[in-house]
Amino acid sequence: MVKDYKTFWVAQESSPVQVFRRSVDIETAGPEQNGGQLSQAAQGQRNLELSAYKSCGKTKKCLGSPDGCIAGKTCVALVTIAPQGRDFQIEMFGKKSKYIAIGFSDDTKMGGDHVVECVNEDLSRGTIVKAYRSFNIPNAKQNRRFDDQEGVELLEGSFYDGDLYCKVNHVAKIAVQDKEYDVTLQSSTVKIFFFTSAMLT
């Protein structure tokens, strides 16, 4: 044990300590300030969020909350979708959120919709960010994850001081039960919505 350069103790026995390996992408500590500067981890999280705004309204579709936040880059939640080769890339972040999700619907109601979730899972070995594909059960306020996650791949995930970010690769067309959603369509036939746990508080 070390107090400072000149004060330390040796041959001291502590109670057993268990160490768990965790992802280098995940940071769970609070932001540290040093002369008004963000810590490296906090700055890294902020950079991920700022990168999501790039090309909004140009090469990618963006939805943010509250209204008008995209122009000022002040969103508390943001989802974006952009073409990436033959597939699409989705970015999502939510402030003080356990999850953020984007949904694709063929009507104006939630239910029977294709959903991509970005989730911070609090596990015994620490936190980890995961992405899932799921659907809203029609006429029920429930969401069900598919056992098969084909078509949705987490590229990057980060959780820092309650803020959640993820980047997901998504195929152009995906089937949900008896429906097929084509995210390449630029018409009103596919409607996009999003929600976060922060919206419920």
N, C-alpha and C. Protein backbone atom coordinates (compact mmCIF):
# COMPACT_ATOMS: atom_id res chain seq x y z
N MET A 1 0.86 -1.18 0.00
CA MET A 1 0.00 0.00 0.00
C MET A 1 0.89 1.23 0.00
N VAL A 2 0.53 2.21 -0.79
CA VAL A 2 1.34 3.42 -0.93
C VAL A 2 0.50 4.65 -0.63
N LYS A 3 1.00 5.50 0.26
CA LYS A 3 0.36 6.78 0.54
C LYS A 3 0.99 7.87 -0.32
N ASP A 4 2.31 7.94 -0.31
CA ASP A 4 3.04 8.85 -1.18
C ASP A 4 4.43 8.25 -1.40
N TYR A 5 5.34 9.00 -2.01
CA TYR A 5 6.64 8.47 -2.39
C TYR A 5 7.43 7.97 -1.20
N LYS A 6 7.30 8.63 -0.03
CA LYS A 6 8.08 8.25 1.14
C LYS A 6 7.33 7.41 2.15
N THR A 7 6.02 7.31 1.99
CA THR A 7 5.22 6.57 2.98
C THR A 7 4.52 5.41 2.31
N PHE A 8 4.91 4.19 2.72
CA PHE A 8 4.27 3.01 2.16
C PHE A 8 4.41 1.85 3.15
N TRP A 9 3.62 0.80 2.94
CA TRP A 9 3.62 -0.36 3.81
C TRP A 9 3.81 -1.61 2.96
N VAL A 10 4.52 -2.59 3.50
CA VAL A 10 4.74 -3.86 2.81
C VAL A 10 4.26 -5.00 3.67
N ALA A 11 4.07 -6.15 3.03
CA ALA A 11 3.66 -7.38 3.73
C ALA A 11 2.35 -7.20 4.47
N GLN A 12 1.44 -6.37 3.94
CA GLN A 12 0.11 -6.21 4.52
C GLN A 12 -0.85 -7.15 3.79
N GLU A 13 -1.71 -7.79 4.54
CA GLU A 13 -2.65 -8.73 3.95
C GLU A 13 -4.05 -8.14 3.95
N SER A 14 -4.71 -8.19 2.79
CA SER A 14 -6.08 -7.68 2.68
C SER A 14 -7.04 -8.86 2.55
N SER A 15 -8.31 -8.55 2.58
CA SER A 15 -9.30 -9.58 2.27
C SER A 15 -9.17 -9.93 0.79
N PRO A 16 -9.66 -11.10 0.35
CA PRO A 16 -9.51 -11.51 -1.05
C PRO A 16 -10.10 -10.47 -2.01
N VAL A 17 -9.38 -10.25 -3.11
CA VAL A 17 -9.82 -9.30 -4.14
C VAL A 17 -10.03 -10.08 -5.43
N GLN A 18 -11.18 -9.89 -6.06
CA GLN A 18 -11.49 -10.57 -7.31
C GLN A 18 -11.45 -9.56 -8.44
N VAL A 19 -10.71 -9.88 -9.51
CA VAL A 19 -10.54 -8.98 -10.65
C VAL A 19 -11.24 -9.58 -11.85
N PHE A 20 -12.06 -8.75 -12.53
CA PHE A 20 -12.76 -9.19 -13.72
C PHE A 20 -12.23 -8.44 -14.93
N ARG A 21 -12.06 -9.17 -16.03
CA ARG A 21 -11.68 -8.53 -17.27
C ARG A 21 -12.88 -7.80 -17.85
N ARG A 22 -12.66 -6.64 -18.46
CA ARG A 22 -13.75 -5.94 -19.10
C ARG A 22 -13.28 -5.31 -20.39
N SER A 23 -14.25 -4.94 -21.24
CA SER A 23 -13.92 -4.39 -22.55
C SER A 23 -13.22 -3.06 -22.42
N VAL A 24 -12.23 -2.83 -23.29
CA VAL A 24 -11.51 -1.55 -23.25
C VAL A 24 -12.38 -0.42 -23.77
N ASP A 25 -13.50 -0.75 -24.45
CA ASP A 25 -14.37 0.29 -24.97
C ASP A 25 -15.29 0.87 -23.91
N ILE A 26 -15.41 0.17 -22.78
CA ILE A 26 -16.40 0.56 -21.80
C ILE A 26 -15.74 1.36 -20.67
N GLU A 27 -16.31 2.51 -20.38
CA GLU A 27 -15.87 3.33 -19.26
C GLU A 27 -17.07 3.60 -18.38
N THR A 28 -16.96 3.33 -17.09
CA THR A 28 -18.11 3.52 -16.21
C THR A 28 -17.88 4.57 -15.15
N ALA A 29 -16.66 5.07 -15.02
CA ALA A 29 -16.40 6.07 -14.00
C ALA A 29 -17.00 7.40 -14.41
N GLY A 30 -17.14 8.31 -13.43
CA GLY A 30 -17.65 9.64 -13.72
C GLY A 30 -16.61 10.47 -14.40
N PRO A 31 -17.03 11.61 -15.00
CA PRO A 31 -16.08 12.48 -15.69
C PRO A 31 -15.12 13.12 -14.71
N GLU A 32 -13.85 13.18 -15.09
CA GLU A 32 -12.84 13.81 -14.25
C GLU A 32 -12.44 15.13 -14.88
N GLN A 33 -12.35 16.15 -14.09
CA GLN A 33 -11.97 17.44 -14.58
C GLN A 33 -10.54 17.74 -14.15
N ASN A 34 -9.78 18.31 -15.06
CA ASN A 34 -8.40 18.70 -14.77
C ASN A 34 -8.16 20.04 -15.42
N GLY A 35 -8.25 21.10 -14.61
CA GLY A 35 -8.08 22.43 -15.16
C GLY A 35 -9.14 22.77 -16.19
N GLY A 36 -10.39 22.26 -15.97
CA GLY A 36 -11.47 22.53 -16.91
C GLY A 36 -11.48 21.63 -18.12
N GLN A 37 -10.52 20.70 -18.22
CA GLN A 37 -10.44 19.80 -19.37
C GLN A 37 -11.15 18.49 -19.04
N LEU A 38 -11.78 17.91 -20.04
CA LEU A 38 -12.40 16.61 -19.86
C LEU A 38 -11.32 15.53 -19.77
N SER A 39 -11.62 14.48 -19.02
CA SER A 39 -10.70 13.35 -18.99
C SER A 39 -10.65 12.71 -20.37
N GLN A 40 -9.66 11.87 -20.59
CA GLN A 40 -9.51 11.22 -21.89
C GLN A 40 -10.73 10.37 -22.22
N ALA A 41 -11.26 9.66 -21.22
CA ALA A 41 -12.43 8.82 -21.46
C ALA A 41 -13.66 9.66 -21.77
N ALA A 42 -13.85 10.75 -21.02
CA ALA A 42 -15.00 11.63 -21.27
C ALA A 42 -14.89 12.28 -22.64
N GLN A 43 -13.70 12.70 -23.02
CA GLN A 43 -13.51 13.32 -24.33
C GLN A 43 -13.75 12.32 -25.45
N GLY A 44 -13.32 11.07 -25.22
CA GLY A 44 -13.56 10.03 -26.22
C GLY A 44 -15.04 9.81 -26.44
N GLN A 45 -15.81 9.79 -25.36
CA GLN A 45 -17.26 9.63 -25.48
C GLN A 45 -17.88 10.81 -26.21
N ARG A 46 -17.43 12.01 -25.86
CA ARG A 46 -17.96 13.22 -26.51
C ARG A 46 -17.63 13.21 -28.01
N ASN A 47 -16.45 12.75 -28.37
CA ASN A 47 -16.06 12.69 -29.79
C ASN A 47 -16.95 11.72 -30.57
N LEU A 48 -17.31 10.59 -29.95
CA LEU A 48 -18.20 9.64 -30.60
C LEU A 48 -19.55 10.29 -30.88
N GLU A 49 -20.07 11.02 -29.88
CA GLU A 49 -21.37 11.67 -30.04
C GLU A 49 -21.31 12.74 -31.13
N LEU A 50 -20.25 13.54 -31.13
CA LEU A 50 -20.14 14.60 -32.13
C LEU A 50 -20.02 14.02 -33.54
N SER A 51 -19.34 12.88 -33.67
CA SER A 51 -19.17 12.26 -34.99
C SER A 51 -20.51 11.82 -35.56
N ALA A 52 -21.47 11.51 -34.70
CA ALA A 52 -22.78 11.06 -35.17
C ALA A 52 -23.54 12.16 -35.91
N TYR A 53 -23.24 13.42 -35.59
CA TYR A 53 -23.93 14.54 -36.24
C TYR A 53 -23.43 14.79 -37.68
N LYS A 54 -22.23 14.31 -38.00
CA LYS A 54 -21.64 14.62 -39.31
C LYS A 54 -22.52 14.13 -40.44
N SER A 55 -22.75 15.00 -41.40
CA SER A 55 -23.52 14.70 -42.62
C SER A 55 -25.01 14.52 -42.37
N CYS A 56 -25.51 14.94 -41.19
CA CYS A 56 -26.96 14.87 -40.95
C CYS A 56 -27.68 15.74 -41.98
N GLY A 57 -28.70 15.17 -42.60
CA GLY A 57 -29.45 15.89 -43.61
C GLY A 57 -28.80 15.91 -44.98
N LYS A 58 -27.59 15.37 -45.07
CA LYS A 58 -26.88 15.31 -46.36
C LYS A 58 -26.81 13.88 -46.85
N THR A 59 -25.95 13.09 -46.23
CA THR A 59 -25.82 11.69 -46.65
C THR A 59 -26.49 10.73 -45.69
N LYS A 60 -27.05 11.25 -44.60
CA LYS A 60 -27.74 10.36 -43.68
C LYS A 60 -28.94 11.04 -43.05
N LYS A 61 -29.90 10.20 -42.67
CA LYS A 61 -31.11 10.67 -42.01
C LYS A 61 -30.87 10.71 -40.51
N CYS A 62 -31.28 11.79 -39.86
CA CYS A 62 -31.04 11.96 -38.42
C CYS A 62 -32.32 12.36 -37.72
N LEU A 63 -32.55 11.78 -36.55
CA LEU A 63 -33.67 12.15 -35.69
C LEU A 63 -33.10 12.42 -34.30
N GLY A 64 -33.48 13.57 -33.73
CA GLY A 64 -32.94 13.93 -32.42
C GLY A 64 -34.01 14.45 -31.49
N SER A 65 -33.72 14.43 -30.23
CA SER A 65 -34.60 14.97 -29.20
C SER A 65 -33.77 15.82 -28.23
N PRO A 66 -34.25 17.01 -27.88
CA PRO A 66 -35.53 17.63 -28.24
C PRO A 66 -35.51 18.19 -29.66
N ASP A 67 -36.67 18.67 -30.12
CA ASP A 67 -36.78 19.23 -31.46
C ASP A 67 -35.77 20.36 -31.65
N GLY A 68 -35.14 20.37 -32.83
CA GLY A 68 -34.21 21.44 -33.17
C GLY A 68 -32.81 21.27 -32.62
N CYS A 69 -32.53 20.14 -31.96
CA CYS A 69 -31.23 19.96 -31.30
C CYS A 69 -30.10 19.60 -32.26
N ILE A 70 -30.44 19.09 -33.45
CA ILE A 70 -29.40 18.61 -34.36
C ILE A 70 -28.53 19.76 -34.85
N ALA A 71 -29.14 20.88 -35.20
CA ALA A 71 -28.38 22.02 -35.72
C ALA A 71 -27.36 22.52 -34.70
N GLY A 72 -27.73 22.54 -33.44
CA GLY A 72 -26.82 23.01 -32.39
C GLY A 72 -25.99 21.92 -31.75
N LYS A 73 -26.18 20.67 -32.20
CA LYS A 73 -25.46 19.51 -31.65
C LYS A 73 -25.64 19.43 -30.14
N THR A 74 -26.90 19.56 -29.72
CA THR A 74 -27.23 19.56 -28.30
C THR A 74 -28.25 18.49 -27.93
N CYS A 75 -28.37 17.45 -28.74
CA CYS A 75 -29.39 16.42 -28.51
C CYS A 75 -29.09 15.61 -27.25
N VAL A 76 -30.13 15.26 -26.54
CA VAL A 76 -29.99 14.32 -25.44
C VAL A 76 -30.15 12.89 -25.94
N ALA A 77 -30.70 12.76 -27.15
CA ALA A 77 -30.80 11.46 -27.81
C ALA A 77 -30.77 11.69 -29.31
N LEU A 78 -30.06 10.83 -30.03
CA LEU A 78 -29.92 10.97 -31.48
C LEU A 78 -29.80 9.59 -32.11
N VAL A 79 -30.49 9.40 -33.24
CA VAL A 79 -30.28 8.21 -34.06
C VAL A 79 -30.03 8.67 -35.49
N THR A 80 -29.12 7.99 -36.17
CA THR A 80 -28.83 8.31 -37.57
C THR A 80 -28.77 7.02 -38.36
N ILE A 81 -29.07 7.13 -39.66
CA ILE A 81 -28.98 5.98 -40.54
C ILE A 81 -28.42 6.44 -41.88
N ALA A 82 -27.41 5.73 -42.37
CA ALA A 82 -26.73 6.14 -43.60
C ALA A 82 -26.30 4.91 -44.39
N PRO A 83 -26.30 5.00 -45.73
CA PRO A 83 -25.82 3.87 -46.53
C PRO A 83 -24.34 3.62 -46.31
N GLN A 84 -23.97 2.35 -46.29
CA GLN A 84 -22.57 1.95 -46.12
C GLN A 84 -22.35 0.75 -47.02
N GLY A 85 -21.92 1.01 -48.26
CA GLY A 85 -21.80 -0.07 -49.22
C GLY A 85 -23.18 -0.61 -49.56
N ARG A 86 -23.35 -1.91 -49.48
CA ARG A 86 -24.66 -2.52 -49.74
C ARG A 86 -25.54 -2.51 -48.51
N ASP A 87 -24.97 -2.22 -47.35
CA ASP A 87 -25.71 -2.21 -46.09
C ASP A 87 -25.95 -0.78 -45.62
N PHE A 88 -26.36 -0.66 -44.37
CA PHE A 88 -26.58 0.65 -43.75
C PHE A 88 -25.90 0.68 -42.39
N GLN A 89 -25.52 1.87 -42.00
CA GLN A 89 -24.88 2.06 -40.70
C GLN A 89 -25.78 2.93 -39.84
N ILE A 90 -26.06 2.44 -38.65
CA ILE A 90 -26.90 3.17 -37.69
C ILE A 90 -26.03 3.60 -36.52
N GLU A 91 -26.14 4.87 -36.14
CA GLU A 91 -25.50 5.36 -34.93
C GLU A 91 -26.59 5.85 -33.98
N MET A 92 -26.39 5.59 -32.69
CA MET A 92 -27.36 6.01 -31.67
C MET A 92 -26.62 6.44 -30.43
N PHE A 93 -27.10 7.51 -29.81
CA PHE A 93 -26.63 7.81 -28.46
C PHE A 93 -27.76 8.41 -27.64
N GLY A 94 -27.68 8.16 -26.33
CA GLY A 94 -28.66 8.70 -25.40
C GLY A 94 -27.96 9.11 -24.12
N LYS A 95 -28.28 10.30 -23.64
CA LYS A 95 -27.73 10.80 -22.38
C LYS A 95 -28.48 10.15 -21.23
N LYS A 96 -27.73 9.73 -20.21
CA LYS A 96 -28.32 9.11 -19.01
C LYS A 96 -29.32 8.03 -19.40
N SER A 97 -28.88 7.10 -20.24
CA SER A 97 -29.77 6.07 -20.76
C SER A 97 -29.18 4.68 -20.56
N LYS A 98 -30.04 3.74 -20.22
CA LYS A 98 -29.65 2.34 -20.17
C LYS A 98 -29.79 1.70 -21.55
N TYR A 99 -30.69 2.26 -22.36
CA TYR A 99 -30.84 1.76 -23.72
C TYR A 99 -31.33 2.88 -24.63
N ILE A 100 -31.09 2.70 -25.92
CA ILE A 100 -31.68 3.54 -26.96
C ILE A 100 -31.99 2.62 -28.13
N ALA A 101 -33.12 2.86 -28.80
CA ALA A 101 -33.54 1.95 -29.86
C ALA A 101 -34.12 2.73 -31.03
N ILE A 102 -33.95 2.18 -32.22
CA ILE A 102 -34.55 2.73 -33.43
C ILE A 102 -35.53 1.69 -33.96
N GLY A 103 -36.70 2.16 -34.39
CA GLY A 103 -37.72 1.25 -34.90
C GLY A 103 -38.13 1.62 -36.31
N PHE A 104 -38.54 0.62 -37.08
CA PHE A 104 -39.02 0.80 -38.45
C PHE A 104 -40.44 0.25 -38.52
N SER A 105 -41.37 1.10 -38.96
CA SER A 105 -42.77 0.73 -38.95
C SER A 105 -43.40 0.97 -40.32
N ASP A 106 -44.43 0.19 -40.65
CA ASP A 106 -45.15 0.41 -41.90
C ASP A 106 -46.47 1.16 -41.66
N ASP A 107 -46.66 1.64 -40.42
CA ASP A 107 -47.83 2.46 -40.12
C ASP A 107 -47.44 3.49 -39.05
N THR A 108 -48.40 4.16 -38.50
CA THR A 108 -48.12 5.21 -37.51
C THR A 108 -48.26 4.71 -36.08
N LYS A 109 -48.43 3.41 -35.90
CA LYS A 109 -48.61 2.84 -34.56
C LYS A 109 -47.43 1.93 -34.21
N MET A 110 -47.11 1.87 -32.93
CA MET A 110 -46.11 0.91 -32.47
C MET A 110 -46.77 -0.45 -32.33
N GLY A 111 -46.11 -1.46 -32.83
CA GLY A 111 -46.64 -2.81 -32.77
C GLY A 111 -46.33 -3.56 -34.04
N GLY A 112 -45.66 -4.72 -33.94
CA GLY A 112 -45.26 -5.48 -35.10
C GLY A 112 -44.13 -4.84 -35.87
N ASP A 113 -43.37 -3.96 -35.21
CA ASP A 113 -42.32 -3.19 -35.88
C ASP A 113 -40.95 -3.83 -35.69
N HIS A 114 -40.07 -3.55 -36.63
CA HIS A 114 -38.68 -3.98 -36.54
C HIS A 114 -37.91 -2.98 -35.67
N VAL A 115 -37.18 -3.47 -34.68
CA VAL A 115 -36.47 -2.61 -33.73
C VAL A 115 -35.02 -3.06 -33.60
N VAL A 116 -34.12 -2.09 -33.54
CA VAL A 116 -32.71 -2.36 -33.22
C VAL A 116 -32.41 -1.67 -31.89
N GLU A 117 -32.01 -2.44 -30.90
CA GLU A 117 -31.74 -1.92 -29.56
C GLU A 117 -30.23 -1.80 -29.32
N CYS A 118 -29.84 -0.73 -28.68
CA CYS A 118 -28.48 -0.58 -28.14
C CYS A 118 -28.65 -0.54 -26.62
N VAL A 119 -28.03 -1.49 -25.92
CA VAL A 119 -28.31 -1.69 -24.51
C VAL A 119 -27.02 -1.73 -23.69
N ASN A 120 -27.03 -1.02 -22.56
CA ASN A 120 -25.95 -1.16 -21.59
C ASN A 120 -26.37 -2.22 -20.59
N GLU A 121 -25.68 -3.35 -20.61
CA GLU A 121 -26.02 -4.44 -19.71
C GLU A 121 -25.10 -4.41 -18.50
N ASP A 122 -25.69 -4.36 -17.33
CA ASP A 122 -24.94 -4.33 -16.09
C ASP A 122 -24.76 -5.76 -15.61
N LEU A 123 -23.59 -6.30 -15.87
CA LEU A 123 -23.30 -7.70 -15.55
C LEU A 123 -22.42 -7.79 -14.31
N SER A 124 -22.27 -8.98 -13.79
CA SER A 124 -21.45 -9.17 -12.60
C SER A 124 -19.99 -8.83 -12.85
N ARG A 125 -19.55 -8.94 -14.11
CA ARG A 125 -18.16 -8.65 -14.43
C ARG A 125 -17.97 -7.20 -14.92
N GLY A 126 -19.01 -6.40 -14.85
CA GLY A 126 -18.93 -5.01 -15.28
C GLY A 126 -19.99 -4.72 -16.32
N THR A 127 -19.94 -3.56 -16.93
CA THR A 127 -20.92 -3.20 -17.93
C THR A 127 -20.40 -3.55 -19.32
N ILE A 128 -21.34 -3.82 -20.22
CA ILE A 128 -20.98 -4.11 -21.60
C ILE A 128 -22.12 -3.64 -22.49
N VAL A 129 -21.79 -3.07 -23.63
CA VAL A 129 -22.79 -2.58 -24.58
C VAL A 129 -23.06 -3.66 -25.61
N LYS A 130 -24.34 -3.94 -25.86
CA LYS A 130 -24.72 -4.95 -26.85
C LYS A 130 -25.81 -4.37 -27.75
N ALA A 131 -25.94 -4.96 -28.94
CA ALA A 131 -27.00 -4.58 -29.88
C ALA A 131 -27.86 -5.82 -30.16
N TYR A 132 -29.16 -5.61 -30.24
CA TYR A 132 -30.09 -6.70 -30.51
C TYR A 132 -31.10 -6.26 -31.57
N ARG A 133 -31.61 -7.22 -32.31
CA ARG A 133 -32.78 -6.94 -33.14
C ARG A 133 -33.99 -7.57 -32.46
N SER A 134 -35.08 -6.85 -32.50
CA SER A 134 -36.28 -7.29 -31.80
C SER A 134 -37.51 -6.75 -32.53
N PHE A 135 -38.69 -7.00 -31.98
CA PHE A 135 -39.91 -6.45 -32.56
C PHE A 135 -40.91 -6.14 -31.45
N ASN A 136 -41.75 -5.13 -31.71
CA ASN A 136 -42.83 -4.79 -30.79
C ASN A 136 -44.00 -5.73 -31.04
N ILE A 137 -44.49 -6.34 -29.99
CA ILE A 137 -45.63 -7.25 -30.13
C ILE A 137 -46.88 -6.42 -30.41
N PRO A 138 -47.63 -6.74 -31.48
CA PRO A 138 -48.84 -5.96 -31.79
C PRO A 138 -49.84 -5.97 -30.64
N ASN A 139 -50.45 -4.83 -30.39
CA ASN A 139 -51.49 -4.66 -29.37
C ASN A 139 -51.01 -5.01 -27.96
N ALA A 140 -49.72 -4.91 -27.75
CA ALA A 140 -49.18 -5.16 -26.41
C ALA A 140 -47.94 -4.30 -26.23
N LYS A 141 -47.80 -3.74 -25.05
CA LYS A 141 -46.64 -2.89 -24.78
C LYS A 141 -45.46 -3.76 -24.35
N GLN A 142 -45.02 -4.61 -25.29
CA GLN A 142 -43.92 -5.53 -25.02
C GLN A 142 -42.98 -5.57 -26.21
N ASN A 143 -41.74 -5.88 -25.91
CA ASN A 143 -40.73 -6.01 -26.95
C ASN A 143 -40.11 -7.39 -26.82
N ARG A 144 -39.91 -8.08 -27.92
CA ARG A 144 -39.35 -9.43 -27.88
C ARG A 144 -38.11 -9.51 -28.76
N ARG A 145 -37.02 -9.97 -28.19
CA ARG A 145 -35.78 -10.11 -28.95
C ARG A 145 -35.78 -11.42 -29.73
N PHE A 146 -35.19 -11.35 -30.91
CA PHE A 146 -35.03 -12.55 -31.72
C PHE A 146 -33.86 -13.37 -31.20
N ASP A 147 -33.98 -14.68 -31.27
CA ASP A 147 -32.84 -15.54 -30.95
C ASP A 147 -31.75 -15.37 -32.01
N ASP A 148 -32.19 -15.17 -33.25
CA ASP A 148 -31.28 -14.99 -34.38
C ASP A 148 -31.03 -13.50 -34.58
N GLN A 149 -29.78 -13.07 -34.43
CA GLN A 149 -29.43 -11.67 -34.59
C GLN A 149 -28.85 -11.36 -35.98
N GLU A 150 -29.09 -12.25 -36.93
CA GLU A 150 -28.56 -12.07 -38.28
C GLU A 150 -29.10 -10.78 -38.90
N GLY A 151 -28.21 -10.03 -39.52
CA GLY A 151 -28.60 -8.78 -40.17
C GLY A 151 -28.28 -7.54 -39.36
N VAL A 152 -27.94 -7.73 -38.08
CA VAL A 152 -27.61 -6.62 -37.18
C VAL A 152 -26.30 -6.95 -36.48
N GLU A 153 -25.30 -6.09 -36.64
CA GLU A 153 -23.98 -6.35 -36.04
C GLU A 153 -23.46 -5.09 -35.34
N LEU A 154 -23.12 -5.22 -34.08
CA LEU A 154 -22.55 -4.11 -33.32
C LEU A 154 -21.12 -3.87 -33.78
N LEU A 155 -20.83 -2.64 -34.25
CA LEU A 155 -19.48 -2.28 -34.68
C LEU A 155 -18.70 -1.59 -33.57
N GLU A 156 -19.40 -0.80 -32.76
CA GLU A 156 -18.73 -0.06 -31.68
C GLU A 156 -19.76 0.28 -30.61
N GLY A 157 -19.36 0.16 -29.36
CA GLY A 157 -20.25 0.50 -28.27
C GLY A 157 -19.48 1.12 -27.12
N SER A 158 -20.09 2.10 -26.47
CA SER A 158 -19.43 2.79 -25.36
C SER A 158 -20.47 3.25 -24.36
N PHE A 159 -20.11 3.12 -23.07
CA PHE A 159 -20.97 3.63 -22.00
C PHE A 159 -20.08 4.36 -21.01
N TYR A 160 -20.36 5.66 -20.81
CA TYR A 160 -19.53 6.46 -19.91
C TYR A 160 -20.40 7.43 -19.13
N ASP A 161 -20.32 7.38 -17.81
CA ASP A 161 -21.02 8.32 -16.94
C ASP A 161 -22.51 8.41 -17.29
N GLY A 162 -23.11 7.28 -17.61
CA GLY A 162 -24.54 7.24 -17.90
C GLY A 162 -24.90 7.50 -19.34
N ASP A 163 -23.92 7.86 -20.19
CA ASP A 163 -24.19 8.16 -21.59
C ASP A 163 -23.86 6.95 -22.45
N LEU A 164 -24.78 6.59 -23.33
CA LEU A 164 -24.69 5.37 -24.12
C LEU A 164 -24.54 5.70 -25.59
N TYR A 165 -23.61 5.02 -26.27
CA TYR A 165 -23.40 5.21 -27.71
C TYR A 165 -23.19 3.84 -28.35
N CYS A 166 -23.71 3.69 -29.58
CA CYS A 166 -23.36 2.50 -30.34
C CYS A 166 -23.47 2.77 -31.83
N LYS A 167 -22.70 1.99 -32.58
CA LYS A 167 -22.69 2.02 -34.04
C LYS A 167 -22.99 0.60 -34.51
N VAL A 168 -23.97 0.46 -35.40
CA VAL A 168 -24.46 -0.85 -35.80
C VAL A 168 -24.50 -0.96 -37.32
N ASN A 169 -24.06 -2.10 -37.85
CA ASN A 169 -24.24 -2.39 -39.27
C ASN A 169 -25.57 -3.11 -39.44
N HIS A 170 -26.35 -2.68 -40.43
CA HIS A 170 -27.70 -3.21 -40.65
C HIS A 170 -27.87 -3.52 -42.13
N VAL A 171 -28.34 -4.73 -42.42
CA VAL A 171 -28.57 -5.09 -43.82
C VAL A 171 -29.69 -4.24 -44.40
N ALA A 172 -29.73 -4.13 -45.74
CA ALA A 172 -30.71 -3.26 -46.39
C ALA A 172 -32.14 -3.76 -46.21
N LYS A 173 -32.33 -5.07 -46.24
CA LYS A 173 -33.67 -5.64 -46.07
C LYS A 173 -33.65 -6.67 -44.96
N ILE A 174 -34.68 -6.65 -44.13
CA ILE A 174 -34.72 -7.59 -43.01
C ILE A 174 -36.17 -8.02 -42.78
N ALA A 175 -36.36 -9.31 -42.50
CA ALA A 175 -37.70 -9.86 -42.30
C ALA A 175 -38.04 -9.89 -40.81
N VAL A 176 -39.26 -9.50 -40.50
CA VAL A 176 -39.78 -9.57 -39.14
C VAL A 176 -41.12 -10.27 -39.21
N GLN A 177 -41.14 -11.53 -38.77
CA GLN A 177 -42.32 -12.38 -38.88
C GLN A 177 -42.81 -12.38 -40.33
N ASP A 178 -44.01 -11.86 -40.62
CA ASP A 178 -44.54 -11.93 -41.98
C ASP A 178 -44.29 -10.64 -42.77
N LYS A 179 -43.44 -9.75 -42.25
CA LYS A 179 -43.16 -8.49 -42.93
C LYS A 179 -41.70 -8.40 -43.32
N GLU A 180 -41.42 -7.64 -44.37
CA GLU A 180 -40.04 -7.35 -44.75
C GLU A 180 -39.87 -5.83 -44.75
N TYR A 181 -38.83 -5.37 -44.04
CA TYR A 181 -38.55 -3.94 -43.97
C TYR A 181 -37.35 -3.63 -44.85
N ASP A 182 -37.54 -2.67 -45.73
CA ASP A 182 -36.49 -2.23 -46.66
C ASP A 182 -36.05 -0.84 -46.24
N VAL A 183 -34.89 -0.73 -45.58
CA VAL A 183 -34.45 0.58 -45.07
C VAL A 183 -33.88 1.46 -46.17
N THR A 184 -33.82 0.92 -47.41
CA THR A 184 -33.35 1.76 -48.52
C THR A 184 -34.46 2.66 -49.05
N LEU A 185 -35.70 2.37 -48.70
CA LEU A 185 -36.82 3.13 -49.22
C LEU A 185 -36.79 4.56 -48.69
N GLN A 186 -36.92 5.51 -49.58
CA GLN A 186 -36.93 6.92 -49.20
C GLN A 186 -38.35 7.48 -49.33
N SER A 187 -39.34 6.70 -48.95
CA SER A 187 -40.73 7.13 -49.07
C SER A 187 -41.42 6.97 -47.72
N SER A 188 -42.70 7.23 -47.70
CA SER A 188 -43.46 7.16 -46.46
C SER A 188 -43.87 5.73 -46.10
N THR A 189 -43.47 4.74 -46.93
CA THR A 189 -43.88 3.37 -46.65
C THR A 189 -43.17 2.81 -45.42
N VAL A 190 -41.99 3.34 -45.09
CA VAL A 190 -41.29 2.92 -43.88
C VAL A 190 -41.08 4.15 -43.01
N LYS A 191 -41.62 4.09 -41.80
CA LYS A 191 -41.49 5.22 -40.88
C LYS A 191 -40.49 4.86 -39.80
N ILE A 192 -39.69 5.83 -39.38
CA ILE A 192 -38.65 5.61 -38.38
C ILE A 192 -39.02 6.32 -37.09
N PHE A 193 -38.85 5.64 -35.97
CA PHE A 193 -39.07 6.26 -34.67
C PHE A 193 -37.95 5.80 -33.74
N PHE A 194 -37.78 6.49 -32.61
CA PHE A 194 -36.79 6.04 -31.65
C PHE A 194 -37.25 6.36 -30.24
N PHE A 195 -36.64 5.67 -29.27
CA PHE A 195 -36.97 5.89 -27.88
C PHE A 195 -35.79 5.48 -27.01
N THR A 196 -35.68 6.07 -25.84
CA THR A 196 -34.62 5.75 -24.88
C THR A 196 -35.22 5.59 -23.50
N SER A 197 -34.44 4.99 -22.60
CA SER A 197 -34.90 4.86 -21.22
C SER A 197 -35.02 6.23 -20.58
N ALA A 198 -34.25 7.21 -21.05
CA ALA A 198 -34.32 8.56 -20.48
C ALA A 198 -35.68 9.20 -20.73
N MET A 199 -36.36 8.80 -21.81
CA MET A 199 -37.67 9.35 -22.12
C MET A 199 -38.72 8.90 -21.12
N LEU A 200 -38.42 7.85 -20.37
CA LEU A 200 -39.39 7.30 -19.42
C LEU A 200 -39.24 7.90 -18.04
N THR A 201 -38.20 8.69 -17.81
CA THR A 201 -37.95 9.25 -16.48
C THR A 201 -38.43 10.69 -16.39
